[in-house]
Each structure stands twice: as C-alpha cells, then as structure tokens.
Amino acid sequence: MKKTLELALYAVALYAIGSNSAIAQTVKTNIPGLVLKEFGCYGGNYVGNIVNRSNRSTQGTVHIKVFDRDGDPIGGCTSHVSLEPQSGDSFSAFNCNCDAGTKFSITVK
C-alpha cells in the first residue's frame, strides 16, 4: 500500500513537472531587455514578474496567445505594463485559458 501511494505521488509530481501550467520559467519578449520571470499558468491565468533590464522605460500591452498540442489557438489574454528602466513588478493576465495549453506566444505592443 505504501509503495502504491509513493508511486502515485511520484506520477503526480512528474505530471506537474511536465505540465505547461506548473512550471515557472523566464521568458523573453519581443522588447529587448523585457522579460517575464517565474512565469506560469495557474488556474487559467498567467502570473509571474515582469522585469525591464534595459536603460529605457517601457510601456505597452502584453499579448499572450495560447496553443494546444496540435498548435491550434485555444485562448489568449492581455495585460498593460509600464516600467521604469532597471525595474520590475508583479505580472498577471486573467482568463487566458492556458490550463490545457502546451505552448504560448508573447508580443508586447
């Protein structure tokens, strides 16, 4: 019984590690020096930190498009950002439908 429980917990941990929604990562954007850190999908929303590593202020709208395993778009969301040079802030974009997504694209306009 204990071995079965250990195997079940191990399988759940492996699923979480391989799932797009469970892994926080650093993601570059199309704006040089603007990155999303600890970025991941949680409860259908993307959250993390947005960091402006450049020496120029940055503002715009982050557009996120979510794709399924076949490469078909299944969701998307936006969030406005405004950062001073060499600064960061928390980031969130809601109702992205990212739980079933396997890939995403990010564009800042």
C-alpha atoms as a PDB file:
ATOM      1  CA  MET A   1       0.000   0.000   0.000  1.00  0.00           C
ATOM      2  CA  LYS A   2       2.788   2.412   0.934  1.00  0.00           C
ATOM      3  CA  LYS A   3       4.642   1.606  -2.307  1.00  0.00           C
ATOM      4  CA  THR A   4       1.468   2.266  -4.346  1.00  0.00           C
ATOM      5  CA  LEU A   5       0.974   5.619  -2.645  1.00  0.00           C
ATOM      6  CA  GLU A   6       4.614   6.552  -3.264  1.00  0.00           C
ATOM      7  CA  LEU A   7       4.288   5.643  -6.955  1.00  0.00           C
ATOM      8  CA  ALA A   8       1.073   7.645  -7.259  1.00  0.00           C
ATOM      9  CA  LEU A   9       2.692  10.704  -5.670  1.00  0.00           C
ATOM     10  CA  TYR A  10       5.720  10.295  -7.948  1.00  0.00           C
ATOM     11  CA  ALA A  11       3.448  10.139 -11.017  1.00  0.00           C
ATOM     12  CA  VAL A  12       1.626  13.302  -9.926  1.00  0.00           C
ATOM     13  CA  ALA A  13       4.961  15.074  -9.398  1.00  0.00           C
ATOM     14  CA  LEU A  14       6.178  14.037 -12.860  1.00  0.00           C
ATOM     15  CA  TYR A  15       2.940  15.269 -14.416  1.00  0.00           C
ATOM     16  CA  ALA A  16       3.309  18.615 -12.651  1.00  0.00           C
ATOM     17  CA  ILE A  17       6.899  18.977 -13.829  1.00  0.00           C
ATOM     18  CA  GLY A  18       5.939  18.230 -17.440  1.00  0.00           C
ATOM     19  CA  SER A  19       2.848  20.425 -17.481  1.00  0.00           C
ATOM     20  CA  ASN A  20       2.917  23.912 -19.022  1.00  0.00           C
ATOM     21  CA  SER A  21       0.749  25.138 -16.183  1.00  0.00           C
ATOM     22  CA  ALA A  22       3.036  24.027 -13.386  1.00  0.00           C
ATOM     23  CA  ILE A  23       6.449  25.277 -14.465  1.00  0.00           C
ATOM     24  CA  ALA A  24       7.579  28.799 -13.781  1.00  0.00           C
ATOM     25  CA  GLN A  25      10.139  30.000 -16.281  1.00  0.00           C
ATOM     26  CA  THR A  26      11.911  33.061 -17.618  1.00  0.00           C
ATOM     27  CA  VAL A  27      10.509  34.178 -20.968  1.00  0.00           C
ATOM     28  CA  LYS A  28      11.949  36.790 -23.318  1.00  0.00           C
ATOM     29  CA  THR A  29       9.598  39.179 -25.103  1.00  0.00           C
ATOM     30  CA  ASN A  30       9.938  40.993 -28.416  1.00  0.00           C
ATOM     31  CA  ILE A  31      11.177  44.067 -26.490  1.00  0.00           C
ATOM     32  CA  PRO A  32      14.934  43.824 -25.787  1.00  0.00           C
ATOM     33  CA  GLY A  33      15.553  43.644 -22.049  1.00  0.00           C
ATOM     34  CA  LEU A  34      11.911  42.976 -21.120  1.00  0.00           C
ATOM     35  CA  VAL A  35      11.416  39.514 -19.617  1.00  0.00           C
ATOM     36  CA  LEU A  36       8.800  37.632 -17.637  1.00  0.00           C
ATOM     37  CA  LYS A  37      10.234  35.657 -14.713  1.00  0.00           C
ATOM     38  CA  GLU A  38       8.649  32.951 -12.575  1.00  0.00           C
ATOM     39  CA  PHE A  39       6.068  32.936 -15.375  1.00  0.00           C
ATOM     40  CA  GLY A  40       3.446  30.214 -15.443  1.00  0.00           C
ATOM     41  CA  CYS A  41      -0.211  29.330 -15.837  1.00  0.00           C
ATOM     42  CA  TYR A  42      -2.180  28.921 -12.651  1.00  0.00           C
ATOM     43  CA  GLY A  43      -5.941  28.430 -12.664  1.00  0.00           C
ATOM     44  CA  GLY A  44      -6.264  29.627 -16.263  1.00  0.00           C
ATOM     45  CA  ASN A  45      -4.314  32.841 -15.593  1.00  0.00           C
ATOM     46  CA  TYR A  46      -0.692  33.717 -16.341  1.00  0.00           C
ATOM     47  CA  VAL A  47       1.250  35.151 -13.413  1.00  0.00           C
ATOM     48  CA  GLY A  48       4.853  35.996 -12.607  1.00  0.00           C
ATOM     49  CA  ASN A  49       7.142  39.005 -12.502  1.00  0.00           C
ATOM     50  CA  ILE A  50       7.910  41.351 -15.367  1.00  0.00           C
ATOM     51  CA  VAL A  51      11.388  42.877 -15.431  1.00  0.00           C
ATOM     52  CA  ASN A  52      12.777  45.727 -17.507  1.00  0.00           C
ATOM     53  CA  ARG A  53      16.524  45.122 -17.719  1.00  0.00           C
ATOM     54  CA  SER A  54      17.082  47.983 -20.162  1.00  0.00           C
ATOM     55  CA  ASN A  55      18.012  51.612 -19.515  1.00  0.00           C
ATOM     56  CA  ARG A  56      14.781  52.884 -21.113  1.00  0.00           C
ATOM     57  CA  SER A  57      11.277  52.996 -19.707  1.00  0.00           C
ATOM     58  CA  THR A  58       8.866  50.552 -21.278  1.00  0.00           C
ATOM     59  CA  GLN A  59       5.113  50.592 -21.545  1.00  0.00           C
ATOM     60  CA  GLY A  60       2.611  48.735 -23.646  1.00  0.00           C
ATOM     61  CA  THR A  61       0.234  45.819 -23.701  1.00  0.00           C
ATOM     62  CA  VAL A  62       1.446  42.248 -23.306  1.00  0.00           C
ATOM     63  CA  HIS A  63      -0.498  39.983 -25.695  1.00  0.00           C
ATOM     64  CA  ILE A  64      -0.391  36.272 -24.885  1.00  0.00           C
ATOM     65  CA  LYS A  65      -1.735  33.647 -27.279  1.00  0.00           C
ATOM     66  CA  VAL A  66      -2.206  30.053 -26.039  1.00  0.00           C
ATOM     67  CA  PHE A  67      -1.947  26.947 -28.253  1.00  0.00           C
ATOM     68  CA  ASP A  68      -2.893  23.307 -27.711  1.00  0.00           C
ATOM     69  CA  ARG A  69      -0.759  20.269 -28.540  1.00  0.00           C
ATOM     70  CA  ASP A  70      -1.852  20.428 -32.190  1.00  0.00           C
ATOM     71  CA  GLY A  71      -0.751  24.065 -32.487  1.00  0.00           C
ATOM     72  CA  ASP A  72      -4.307  25.381 -32.612  1.00  0.00           C
ATOM     73  CA  PRO A  73      -5.069  28.617 -30.730  1.00  0.00           C
ATOM     74  CA  ILE A  74      -7.249  27.902 -27.698  1.00  0.00           C
ATOM     75  CA  GLY A  75      -7.038  31.122 -25.718  1.00  0.00           C
ATOM     76  CA  GLY A  76      -5.400  34.422 -25.128  1.00  0.00           C
ATOM     77  CA  CYS A  77      -5.220  37.404 -22.832  1.00  0.00           C
ATOM     78  CA  THR A  78      -3.640  40.818 -22.405  1.00  0.00           C
ATOM     79  CA  SER A  79      -2.196  42.936 -19.629  1.00  0.00           C
ATOM     80  CA  HIS A  80      -0.913  46.516 -19.625  1.00  0.00           C
ATOM     81  CA  VAL A  81       2.601  47.190 -18.319  1.00  0.00           C
ATOM     82  CA  SER A  82       4.545  50.350 -17.533  1.00  0.00           C
ATOM     83  CA  LEU A  83       8.068  50.009 -16.146  1.00  0.00           C
ATOM     84  CA  GLU A  84      10.865  52.427 -15.420  1.00  0.00           C
ATOM     85  CA  PRO A  85      14.416  51.497 -16.506  1.00  0.00           C
ATOM     86  CA  GLN A  86      16.034  48.713 -14.482  1.00  0.00           C
ATOM     87  CA  SER A  87      12.822  47.869 -12.625  1.00  0.00           C
ATOM     88  CA  GLY A  88      10.288  45.111 -12.176  1.00  0.00           C
ATOM     89  CA  ASP A  89       6.758  44.439 -10.985  1.00  0.00           C
ATOM     90  CA  SER A  90       4.338  41.590 -10.471  1.00  0.00           C
ATOM     91  CA  PHE A  91       2.549  40.447 -13.616  1.00  0.00           C
ATOM     92  CA  SER A  92      -0.851  38.882 -14.134  1.00  0.00           C
ATOM     93  CA  ALA A  93      -3.106  38.273 -17.121  1.00  0.00           C
ATOM     94  CA  PHE A  94      -6.528  36.781 -16.494  1.00  0.00           C
ATOM     95  CA  ASN A  95      -8.859  34.396 -18.334  1.00  0.00           C
ATOM     96  CA  CYS A  96      -6.134  33.098 -20.664  1.00  0.00           C
ATOM     97  CA  ASN A  97      -7.480  29.515 -20.925  1.00  0.00           C
ATOM     98  CA  CYS A  98      -3.909  28.299 -20.517  1.00  0.00           C
ATOM     99  CA  ASP A  99      -4.543  25.198 -18.390  1.00  0.00           C
ATOM    100  CA  ALA A 100      -4.851  22.973 -21.482  1.00  0.00           C
ATOM    101  CA  GLY A 101      -2.205  24.898 -23.423  1.00  0.00           C
ATOM    102  CA  THR A 102       1.141  23.383 -24.314  1.00  0.00           C
ATOM    103  CA  LYS A 103       2.711  26.443 -25.968  1.00  0.00           C
ATOM    104  CA  PHE A 104       2.271  30.191 -25.925  1.00  0.00           C
ATOM    105  CA  SER A 105       3.474  33.278 -27.747  1.00  0.00           C
ATOM    106  CA  ILE A 106       4.076  36.686 -26.203  1.00  0.00           C
ATOM    107  CA  THR A 107       4.121  40.009 -28.021  1.00  0.00           C
ATOM    108  CA  VAL A 108       4.332  43.464 -26.432  1.00  0.00           C
ATOM    109  CA  LYS A 109       2.766  46.299 -28.414  1.00  0.00           C
END
